[in-house]
Protein backbone atom coordinates (compact mmCIF):
# COMPACT_ATOMS: atom_id res chain seq x y z
CA UNK A 1 4.02 18.20 -6.61
CA UNK A 2 4.21 16.59 -10.02
CA UNK A 3 7.41 16.75 -12.01
CA UNK A 4 5.51 17.45 -15.18
CA UNK A 5 2.04 18.26 -16.32
CA UNK A 6 -0.32 15.22 -16.54
CA UNK A 7 -0.65 13.82 -20.06
CA UNK A 8 -2.79 11.04 -21.53
CA UNK A 9 -1.34 7.61 -20.81
CA UNK A 10 -0.19 5.79 -23.88
CA UNK A 11 1.66 2.61 -24.93
CA UNK A 12 -0.14 0.32 -22.47
CA UNK A 13 1.67 1.42 -19.34
CA UNK A 14 -1.04 0.06 -17.02
CA UNK A 15 0.43 -2.64 -14.79
CA UNK A 16 -1.69 -5.77 -15.01
CA UNK A 17 -0.21 -7.06 -11.73
CA UNK A 18 -3.02 -5.71 -9.50
CA UNK A 19 -6.18 -7.48 -8.53
CA UNK A 20 -8.40 -5.11 -10.49
CA UNK A 21 -6.88 -5.93 -13.84
CA UNK A 22 -7.31 -9.71 -13.58
CA UNK A 23 -9.75 -11.13 -16.18
CA UNK A 24 -10.33 -7.84 -18.01
CA UNK A 25 -10.62 -8.39 -21.71
CA UNK A 26 -8.03 -6.78 -24.06
CA UNK A 27 -10.74 -4.42 -25.28
CA UNK A 28 -11.61 -3.38 -21.76
CA UNK A 29 -7.92 -2.80 -20.88
CA UNK A 30 -7.45 -0.59 -23.96
CA UNK A 31 -10.53 1.42 -23.01
CA UNK A 32 -9.31 1.67 -19.39
CA UNK A 33 -5.91 2.93 -20.50
CA UNK A 34 -7.44 5.53 -22.86
CA UNK A 35 -9.00 7.32 -19.90
CA UNK A 36 -5.79 7.66 -17.89
CA UNK A 37 -3.54 10.62 -17.32
CA UNK A 38 -0.12 10.00 -15.80
CA UNK A 39 2.16 12.11 -13.68
CA UNK A 40 5.50 11.66 -11.97
CA UNK A 41 5.59 12.58 -8.31
CA UNK A 42 8.49 13.31 -5.99
CA UNK A 43 8.64 11.51 -2.64
CA UNK A 44 6.34 12.90 0.00
CA UNK A 45 3.78 14.17 -2.52
CA UNK A 46 0.10 14.06 -1.44
CA UNK A 47 -2.29 12.51 -3.96
CA UNK A 48 -5.35 13.13 -1.83
CA UNK A 49 -6.21 13.92 1.75
CA UNK A 50 -8.43 12.18 4.29
CA UNK A 51 -12.00 13.64 4.26
CA UNK A 52 -11.37 15.21 0.84
CA UNK A 53 -14.18 14.83 -1.73
CA UNK A 54 -13.13 12.25 -4.28
CA UNK A 55 -12.73 13.37 -7.91
CA UNK A 56 -10.61 10.51 -9.28
CA UNK A 57 -9.15 7.08 -8.75
CA UNK A 58 -5.38 6.57 -8.88
CA UNK A 59 -3.38 3.63 -10.25
CA UNK A 60 0.16 3.12 -9.00
CA UNK A 61 2.33 2.47 -12.06
CA UNK A 62 5.73 2.75 -10.38
CA UNK A 63 6.85 3.32 -6.81
CA UNK A 64 4.84 3.09 -3.62
CA UNK A 65 2.11 5.11 -1.86
CA UNK A 66 1.45 5.24 1.86
CA UNK A 67 -2.20 5.12 2.95
CA UNK A 68 -2.71 6.57 6.39
CA UNK A 69 -5.28 8.12 8.68
CA UNK A 70 -4.80 10.71 11.43
CA UNK A 71 -6.43 11.48 14.76
CA UNK A 72 -7.63 14.94 15.84
CA UNK A 73 -4.51 15.09 17.99
CA UNK A 74 -2.29 14.66 14.95
CA UNK A 75 -1.25 11.04 15.54
CA UNK A 76 -0.92 9.06 12.32
CA UNK A 77 -1.54 5.40 11.61
CA UNK A 78 -0.22 3.94 8.35
CA UNK A 79 -2.64 1.24 7.15
CA UNK A 80 -0.55 -0.10 4.26
CA UNK A 81 1.67 0.75 1.37
CA UNK A 82 0.16 0.44 -2.11
CA UNK A 83 2.50 -0.91 -4.78
CA UNK A 84 2.58 -1.00 -8.60
CA UNK A 85 -0.59 -2.34 -10.11
CA UNK A 86 -2.94 -1.24 -7.30
CA UNK A 87 -5.85 1.16 -7.56
CA UNK A 88 -6.32 3.57 -4.63
CA UNK A 89 -9.38 5.66 -3.87
CA UNK A 90 -11.62 2.88 -5.22
CA UNK A 91 -13.99 2.69 -2.26
CA UNK A 92 -14.65 6.44 -2.31
CA UNK A 93 -15.18 6.41 -6.07
CA UNK A 94 -17.87 3.70 -5.71
CA UNK A 95 -19.61 5.14 -2.65
CA UNK A 96 -19.21 8.86 -3.28
CA UNK A 97 -18.04 9.25 0.34
CA UNK A 98 -14.97 11.38 1.16
CA UNK A 99 -11.62 9.71 1.20
CA UNK A 100 -11.05 7.84 4.49
CA UNK A 101 -7.31 7.87 4.16
CA UNK A 102 -4.49 10.18 2.99
CA UNK A 103 -2.37 8.93 0.10
CA UNK A 104 1.28 10.02 -0.01
CA UNK A 105 4.12 8.80 -2.18
CA UNK A 106 7.00 7.08 -0.41
CA UNK A 107 9.70 7.95 -2.94
CA UNK A 108 9.38 8.97 -6.54
CA UNK A 109 6.31 7.45 -8.10
CA UNK A 110 4.44 7.39 -11.38
CA UNK A 111 0.65 7.58 -10.96
CA UNK A 112 -2.15 7.25 -13.48
CA UNK A 113 -5.32 9.21 -12.77
CA UNK A 114 -8.84 8.49 -13.97
CA UNK A 115 -11.63 10.95 -13.27
CA UNK A 116 -14.41 9.40 -11.24
CA UNK A 117 -17.20 9.96 -13.84
CA UNK A 118 -14.98 8.30 -16.52
CA UNK A 119 -14.27 5.36 -14.16
CA UNK A 120 -17.96 4.85 -13.36
CA UNK A 121 -18.74 5.03 -17.08
CA UNK A 122 -16.16 2.30 -17.67
CA UNK A 123 -17.93 0.08 -15.15
CA UNK A 124 -21.28 0.64 -16.98
CA UNK A 125 -19.67 -0.32 -20.33
CA UNK A 126 -18.01 -3.41 -18.86
CA UNK A 127 -20.24 -4.81 -16.06
CA UNK A 128 -17.85 -7.77 -15.68
CA UNK A 129 -15.34 -5.32 -14.18
CA UNK A 130 -17.56 -5.07 -11.09
CA UNK A 131 -16.25 -8.49 -10.11
CA UNK A 132 -12.75 -7.04 -10.10
CA UNK A 133 -13.96 -4.12 -7.97
CA UNK A 134 -15.52 -6.51 -5.46
CA UNK A 135 -12.27 -8.54 -5.44
CA UNK A 136 -10.05 -5.58 -4.69
CA UNK A 137 -12.41 -4.10 -2.10
CA UNK A 138 -12.45 -7.51 -0.37
CA UNK A 139 -8.67 -7.60 -0.44
CA UNK A 140 -8.51 -4.08 1.00
CA UNK A 141 -10.93 -5.06 3.76
CA UNK A 142 -8.87 -8.12 4.67
CA UNK A 143 -5.71 -6.01 4.77
CA UNK A 144 -7.41 -3.51 7.07
CA UNK A 145 -8.53 -6.32 9.41
CA UNK A 146 -4.99 -7.65 9.59
CA UNK A 147 -3.71 -4.20 10.43
CA UNK A 148 -6.31 -3.75 13.18
CA UNK A 149 -5.38 -7.15 14.51
CA UNK A 150 -1.73 -6.24 14.65
CA UNK A 151 -2.25 -2.83 16.26
CA UNK A 152 -5.27 -3.62 18.48
CA UNK A 153 -4.75 -7.17 19.68
CA UNK A 154 -0.93 -7.53 20.04
CA UNK A 155 -0.01 -6.93 23.70
CA UNK A 156 3.20 -4.93 23.13
CA UNK A 157 5.31 -3.14 20.52
CA UNK A 158 7.64 -6.09 20.12
CA UNK A 159 4.87 -8.48 19.09
CA UNK A 160 3.27 -5.81 16.90
CA UNK A 161 6.52 -5.29 15.01
CA UNK A 162 7.04 -9.04 14.69
CA UNK A 163 3.57 -9.43 13.20
CA UNK A 164 4.19 -6.56 10.78
CA UNK A 165 7.47 -8.12 9.59
CA UNK A 166 5.65 -11.43 9.04
CA UNK A 167 3.12 -9.63 6.87
CA UNK A 168 5.95 -8.16 4.80
CA UNK A 169 7.49 -11.60 4.47
CA UNK A 170 4.54 -12.61 2.27
CA UNK A 171 5.87 -10.35 -0.43
CA UNK A 172 9.51 -10.99 0.31
CA UNK A 173 12.03 -12.98 -1.69
CA UNK A 174 12.89 -16.48 -0.51
CA UNK A 175 16.63 -17.26 -0.49
CA UNK A 176 18.83 -19.99 1.02
CA UNK A 177 19.53 -17.58 3.90
CA UNK A 178 15.91 -16.78 4.68
CA UNK A 179 13.32 -14.26 3.47
CA UNK A 180 14.69 -11.04 2.01
CA UNK A 181 12.40 -8.01 2.51
CA UNK A 182 13.00 -4.51 1.03
CA UNK A 183 12.12 -1.90 3.60
CA UNK A 184 11.75 1.59 2.09
CA UNK A 185 10.27 3.19 5.27
CA UNK A 186 12.02 5.01 8.05
CA UNK A 187 11.86 3.84 11.65
CA UNK A 188 9.37 6.64 12.34
CA UNK A 189 7.15 5.39 9.55
CA UNK A 190 7.40 1.82 10.69
CA UNK A 191 6.29 3.14 14.12
CA UNK A 192 3.23 4.65 12.46
CA UNK A 193 2.24 1.17 11.31
CA UNK A 194 2.15 -0.20 14.84
CA UNK A 195 1.41 2.87 16.99
CA UNK A 196 4.91 3.10 18.44
CA UNK A 197 7.60 5.79 18.62
CA UNK A 198 10.69 5.84 16.39
CA UNK A 199 12.84 5.13 19.43
CA UNK A 200 10.82 2.01 20.25
CA UNK A 201 11.15 0.71 16.73
CA UNK A 202 14.92 1.30 16.69
CA UNK A 203 15.33 -0.41 20.08
CA UNK A 204 13.12 -3.39 19.11
CA UNK A 205 14.90 -3.98 15.80
CA UNK A 206 18.18 -3.96 17.70
CA UNK A 207 16.76 -6.58 20.07
CA UNK A 208 15.57 -8.69 17.12
CA UNK A 209 18.99 -8.47 15.57
CA UNK A 210 20.67 -9.68 18.74
CA UNK A 211 18.17 -12.55 18.95
CA UNK A 212 18.93 -13.47 15.34
CA UNK A 213 15.29 -12.82 14.32
CA UNK A 214 16.36 -10.32 11.66
CA UNK A 215 19.55 -9.20 9.90
CA UNK A 216 19.80 -5.60 8.61
CA UNK A 217 21.83 -4.27 5.75
CA UNK A 218 20.76 -0.76 4.76
CA UNK A 219 17.18 -0.92 3.45
CA UNK A 220 17.34 -4.71 3.08
CA UNK A 221 16.09 -6.87 5.90
CA UNK A 222 16.70 -10.63 6.09
CA UNK A 223 14.39 -12.89 8.15
CA UNK A 224 16.63 -15.99 8.60
CA UNK A 225 14.03 -18.08 10.43
CA UNK A 226 10.42 -17.20 9.78
CA UNK A 227 9.16 -19.90 12.11
CA UNK A 228 11.19 -18.40 15.02
CA UNK A 229 9.63 -14.99 14.24
CA UNK A 230 6.12 -16.53 14.16
CA UNK A 231 6.78 -18.12 17.54
CA UNK A 232 7.96 -14.82 18.97
CA UNK A 233 4.86 -13.06 17.56
CA UNK A 234 2.58 -15.71 18.96
CA UNK A 235 0.96 -16.67 15.66
């Protein structure tokens, strides 16, 4: 549920950090912002559901959004977590196909919404923006391939988790003690990234800690030796 009714986005709140916004002209950015409506969401709010007919695209302004898919038996696989500056629902907006994932806020998030007809009209007015669409769709495809490689090709939960942590290192902060990674997910949610149970994730992280592959302090994870973790993961 939103905390307040959606209102037109003003004052240039669009984050230009995402792939889609690169190389857009100031005029195009202003036009893009004029179409947006923003809402604040509590954690665990559903933006859209898998197989739902798309009516809009969504820009993450603040917070994070989990993108997941579920089996008919109710098992869930988290594909990735979208961060500020990313557009989600882009593929369905372009193709007109139903959403292939469910989007759910991790904690509180601020989301900008653009109706699909308005977004497609924007692309007609600014054909150069199609290059940005292709760039982001390519990035999304590469991320999906990496996720499939982690889940499908790693021989056990330990290597799957090690590969996942290495992926997170790419966005981590380098310090003199190693790579600092902010982990805002529960052990159950981490398990949904790699197809493992919460108990397996908890046990594996404990093993990693004893092997000095990770150090845990609340929601902060430190990877003291990335090369050692890569060796463990077999990459």
